[in-house]
Amino acid sequence: MLSLLVAGWVPVALALALALLLWPHLTSPDPGVSAAVVVFGVPPVVLAWVLAADAWGDACRDSLARAELESQLRFRSYWATLGRH
C-alpha cells in the first residue's frame, strides 16, 4: 500500500517542483518575460512532466506486478510443500 501511495504522489510532487521553478519567471515584472515563458517555457515543461509521469507510472506498475507475482509464487510454494518436510 505504501508503494501505491508513493507511486501516486511522486508525479504530484514533480508537478509542484516544476511549478515552483517556473513561478519566478511567470511573475516577472517584465510582461515580455512572462509572455515568453508562457509561450516557450510552459509547453516543454508540461510535455516533460507528462513523459516523466508516464514513465514513472510504467516503472511502478512493472515493479509492483513483479513483486506481486514473486509474492504469489512464494506463497504457493510454501503451501505446496508444507507437509512434505
N, C-alpha and C. Protein backbone atom coordinates (compact mmCIF):
# COMPACT_ATOMS: atom_id res chain seq x y z
N MET A 1 0.82 -1.19 0.00
CA MET A 1 0.00 0.00 0.00
C MET A 1 0.88 1.27 0.00
N LEU A 2 1.99 1.19 0.72
CA LEU A 2 2.90 2.33 0.75
C LEU A 2 3.47 2.61 -0.64
N SER A 3 3.78 1.56 -1.38
CA SER A 3 4.33 1.77 -2.73
C SER A 3 3.30 2.41 -3.65
N LEU A 4 2.04 2.06 -3.49
CA LEU A 4 1.00 2.71 -4.30
C LEU A 4 0.86 4.18 -3.93
N LEU A 5 0.99 4.47 -2.65
CA LEU A 5 0.92 5.86 -2.21
C LEU A 5 2.08 6.68 -2.78
N VAL A 6 3.28 6.13 -2.70
CA VAL A 6 4.46 6.81 -3.25
C VAL A 6 4.32 6.96 -4.76
N ALA A 7 3.84 5.91 -5.42
CA ALA A 7 3.69 5.96 -6.88
C ALA A 7 2.73 7.07 -7.29
N GLY A 8 1.73 7.33 -6.49
CA GLY A 8 0.77 8.37 -6.82
C GLY A 8 1.24 9.77 -6.50
N TRP A 9 2.03 9.91 -5.44
CA TRP A 9 2.43 11.25 -5.02
C TRP A 9 3.68 11.77 -5.72
N VAL A 10 4.48 10.92 -6.31
CA VAL A 10 5.69 11.40 -6.99
C VAL A 10 5.34 12.32 -8.17
N PRO A 11 4.40 11.97 -9.05
CA PRO A 11 4.06 12.92 -10.12
C PRO A 11 3.49 14.24 -9.60
N VAL A 12 2.75 14.18 -8.50
CA VAL A 12 2.22 15.41 -7.90
C VAL A 12 3.37 16.28 -7.39
N ALA A 13 4.33 15.66 -6.71
CA ALA A 13 5.47 16.41 -6.20
C ALA A 13 6.32 16.98 -7.34
N LEU A 14 6.46 16.22 -8.41
CA LEU A 14 7.21 16.70 -9.57
C LEU A 14 6.50 17.91 -10.20
N ALA A 15 5.19 17.85 -10.33
CA ALA A 15 4.43 18.98 -10.88
C ALA A 15 4.59 20.21 -9.99
N LEU A 16 4.55 20.02 -8.69
CA LEU A 16 4.73 21.14 -7.76
C LEU A 16 6.13 21.73 -7.89
N ALA A 17 7.15 20.88 -8.01
CA ALA A 17 8.52 21.37 -8.16
C ALA A 17 8.68 22.15 -9.46
N LEU A 18 8.10 21.65 -10.53
CA LEU A 18 8.19 22.37 -11.81
C LEU A 18 7.45 23.69 -11.75
N ALA A 19 6.31 23.73 -11.08
CA ALA A 19 5.57 24.98 -10.92
C ALA A 19 6.38 25.99 -10.11
N LEU A 20 7.05 25.50 -9.07
CA LEU A 20 7.87 26.39 -8.26
C LEU A 20 9.08 26.92 -9.06
N LEU A 21 9.59 26.11 -9.97
CA LEU A 21 10.69 26.59 -10.82
C LEU A 21 10.23 27.65 -11.82
N LEU A 22 9.01 27.51 -12.31
CA LEU A 22 8.50 28.47 -13.28
C LEU A 22 7.94 29.73 -12.63
N TRP A 23 7.53 29.65 -11.37
CA TRP A 23 6.84 30.76 -10.72
C TRP A 23 7.59 32.10 -10.80
N PRO A 24 8.89 32.17 -10.51
CA PRO A 24 9.56 33.48 -10.58
C PRO A 24 9.52 34.08 -11.99
N HIS A 25 9.54 33.25 -13.01
CA HIS A 25 9.52 33.77 -14.37
C HIS A 25 8.12 34.19 -14.78
N LEU A 26 7.12 33.48 -14.28
CA LEU A 26 5.74 33.83 -14.62
C LEU A 26 5.30 35.11 -13.92
N THR A 27 5.87 35.40 -12.78
CA THR A 27 5.50 36.61 -12.02
C THR A 27 6.52 37.73 -12.21
N SER A 28 7.28 37.66 -13.26
CA SER A 28 8.27 38.70 -13.54
C SER A 28 7.58 40.03 -13.79
N PRO A 29 8.18 41.13 -13.32
CA PRO A 29 7.57 42.45 -13.58
C PRO A 29 7.58 42.83 -15.06
N ASP A 30 8.49 42.23 -15.82
CA ASP A 30 8.54 42.50 -17.26
C ASP A 30 7.52 41.61 -17.96
N PRO A 31 6.48 42.21 -18.58
CA PRO A 31 5.45 41.40 -19.22
C PRO A 31 5.98 40.59 -20.41
N GLY A 32 7.05 41.03 -21.02
CA GLY A 32 7.64 40.29 -22.13
C GLY A 32 8.24 38.96 -21.67
N VAL A 33 8.89 38.99 -20.51
CA VAL A 33 9.46 37.76 -19.96
C VAL A 33 8.36 36.79 -19.59
N SER A 34 7.32 37.28 -18.95
CA SER A 34 6.20 36.42 -18.56
C SER A 34 5.54 35.79 -19.78
N ALA A 35 5.32 36.60 -20.82
CA ALA A 35 4.69 36.08 -22.04
C ALA A 35 5.59 35.06 -22.73
N ALA A 36 6.89 35.32 -22.76
CA ALA A 36 7.82 34.38 -23.39
C ALA A 36 7.86 33.06 -22.64
N VAL A 37 7.81 33.12 -21.32
CA VAL A 37 7.81 31.90 -20.52
C VAL A 37 6.53 31.12 -20.76
N VAL A 38 5.40 31.81 -20.85
CA VAL A 38 4.13 31.13 -21.10
C VAL A 38 4.13 30.47 -22.47
N VAL A 39 4.67 31.16 -23.47
CA VAL A 39 4.65 30.63 -24.84
C VAL A 39 5.74 29.58 -25.07
N PHE A 40 6.96 29.87 -24.62
CA PHE A 40 8.09 28.99 -24.93
C PHE A 40 8.53 28.10 -23.76
N GLY A 41 8.18 28.45 -22.55
CA GLY A 41 8.66 27.69 -21.41
C GLY A 41 7.68 26.68 -20.86
N VAL A 42 6.42 27.03 -20.80
CA VAL A 42 5.42 26.15 -20.19
C VAL A 42 5.17 24.89 -21.02
N PRO A 43 4.98 24.99 -22.34
CA PRO A 43 4.71 23.75 -23.10
C PRO A 43 5.80 22.67 -22.98
N PRO A 44 7.10 23.00 -23.07
CA PRO A 44 8.10 21.94 -22.88
C PRO A 44 8.10 21.37 -21.46
N VAL A 45 7.85 22.21 -20.47
CA VAL A 45 7.81 21.74 -19.09
C VAL A 45 6.62 20.80 -18.88
N VAL A 46 5.48 21.16 -19.44
CA VAL A 46 4.30 20.30 -19.33
C VAL A 46 4.55 18.98 -20.07
N LEU A 47 5.13 19.05 -21.25
CA LEU A 47 5.44 17.82 -22.00
C LEU A 47 6.43 16.95 -21.23
N ALA A 48 7.44 17.56 -20.65
CA ALA A 48 8.42 16.80 -19.86
C ALA A 48 7.74 16.15 -18.65
N TRP A 49 6.81 16.88 -18.01
CA TRP A 49 6.10 16.30 -16.87
C TRP A 49 5.24 15.12 -17.30
N VAL A 50 4.54 15.26 -18.42
CA VAL A 50 3.69 14.16 -18.91
C VAL A 50 4.54 12.93 -19.21
N LEU A 51 5.66 13.12 -19.88
CA LEU A 51 6.53 11.99 -20.20
C LEU A 51 7.13 11.36 -18.94
N ALA A 52 7.57 12.20 -18.00
CA ALA A 52 8.14 11.67 -16.76
C ALA A 52 7.10 10.95 -15.92
N ALA A 53 5.89 11.51 -15.83
CA ALA A 53 4.84 10.86 -15.05
C ALA A 53 4.43 9.55 -15.69
N ASP A 54 4.38 9.51 -17.01
CA ASP A 54 4.03 8.27 -17.70
C ASP A 54 5.12 7.21 -17.49
N ALA A 55 6.37 7.60 -17.62
CA ALA A 55 7.47 6.66 -17.40
C ALA A 55 7.49 6.18 -15.95
N TRP A 56 7.25 7.08 -15.02
CA TRP A 56 7.21 6.71 -13.61
C TRP A 56 6.07 5.72 -13.35
N GLY A 57 4.91 5.99 -13.91
CA GLY A 57 3.77 5.08 -13.73
C GLY A 57 4.04 3.71 -14.32
N ASP A 58 4.65 3.67 -15.50
CA ASP A 58 5.00 2.39 -16.12
C ASP A 58 6.01 1.62 -15.26
N ALA A 59 7.02 2.31 -14.77
CA ALA A 59 8.03 1.65 -13.94
C ALA A 59 7.43 1.13 -12.65
N CYS A 60 6.56 1.91 -12.03
CA CYS A 60 5.92 1.45 -10.79
C CYS A 60 5.00 0.27 -11.05
N ARG A 61 4.24 0.34 -12.13
CA ARG A 61 3.35 -0.77 -12.46
C ARG A 61 4.14 -2.05 -12.69
N ASP A 62 5.22 -1.95 -13.44
CA ASP A 62 6.04 -3.14 -13.71
C ASP A 62 6.67 -3.68 -12.43
N SER A 63 7.18 -2.80 -11.60
CA SER A 63 7.82 -3.23 -10.36
C SER A 63 6.81 -3.87 -9.41
N LEU A 64 5.65 -3.26 -9.28
CA LEU A 64 4.62 -3.81 -8.40
C LEU A 64 4.09 -5.14 -8.93
N ALA A 65 3.94 -5.26 -10.24
CA ALA A 65 3.47 -6.53 -10.82
C ALA A 65 4.50 -7.63 -10.59
N ARG A 66 5.77 -7.30 -10.74
CA ARG A 66 6.83 -8.28 -10.49
C ARG A 66 6.84 -8.71 -9.03
N ALA A 67 6.70 -7.76 -8.12
CA ALA A 67 6.69 -8.08 -6.70
C ALA A 67 5.46 -8.91 -6.33
N GLU A 68 4.33 -8.60 -6.92
CA GLU A 68 3.12 -9.37 -6.63
C GLU A 68 3.25 -10.80 -7.13
N LEU A 69 3.81 -10.96 -8.32
CA LEU A 69 4.00 -12.30 -8.87
C LEU A 69 4.97 -13.10 -7.99
N GLU A 70 6.06 -12.48 -7.59
CA GLU A 70 7.04 -13.16 -6.74
C GLU A 70 6.41 -13.57 -5.41
N SER A 71 5.64 -12.68 -4.83
CA SER A 71 4.97 -12.99 -3.57
C SER A 71 3.98 -14.14 -3.75
N GLN A 72 3.25 -14.13 -4.82
CA GLN A 72 2.29 -15.20 -5.09
C GLN A 72 3.00 -16.54 -5.28
N LEU A 73 4.11 -16.54 -6.00
CA LEU A 73 4.86 -17.78 -6.21
C LEU A 73 5.43 -18.32 -4.90
N ARG A 74 5.97 -17.44 -4.06
CA ARG A 74 6.48 -17.88 -2.76
C ARG A 74 5.36 -18.42 -1.88
N PHE A 75 4.21 -17.78 -1.90
CA PHE A 75 3.07 -18.22 -1.12
C PHE A 75 2.62 -19.62 -1.56
N ARG A 76 2.47 -19.80 -2.86
CA ARG A 76 2.04 -21.11 -3.39
C ARG A 76 3.10 -22.18 -3.12
N SER A 77 4.36 -21.84 -3.24
CA SER A 77 5.43 -22.79 -2.98
C SER A 77 5.44 -23.20 -1.50
N TYR A 78 5.23 -22.27 -0.62
CA TYR A 78 5.20 -22.57 0.82
C TYR A 78 4.07 -23.54 1.14
N TRP A 79 2.87 -23.26 0.65
CA TRP A 79 1.73 -24.10 0.96
C TRP A 79 1.78 -25.45 0.23
N ALA A 80 2.46 -25.50 -0.90
CA ALA A 80 2.56 -26.77 -1.64
C ALA A 80 3.49 -27.74 -0.95
N THR A 81 4.49 -27.23 -0.25
CA THR A 81 5.49 -28.10 0.39
C THR A 81 5.36 -28.11 1.91
N LEU A 82 4.25 -27.68 2.45
CA LEU A 82 4.11 -27.53 3.90
C LEU A 82 4.22 -28.85 4.64
N GLY A 83 3.55 -29.91 4.19
CA GLY A 83 3.57 -31.17 4.93
C GLY A 83 4.61 -32.16 4.46
N ARG A 84 5.47 -31.78 3.53
CA ARG A 84 6.42 -32.71 2.93
C ARG A 84 7.79 -32.71 3.59
N HIS A 85 8.03 -31.82 4.51
CA HIS A 85 9.37 -31.76 5.12
C HIS A 85 9.41 -32.44 6.43
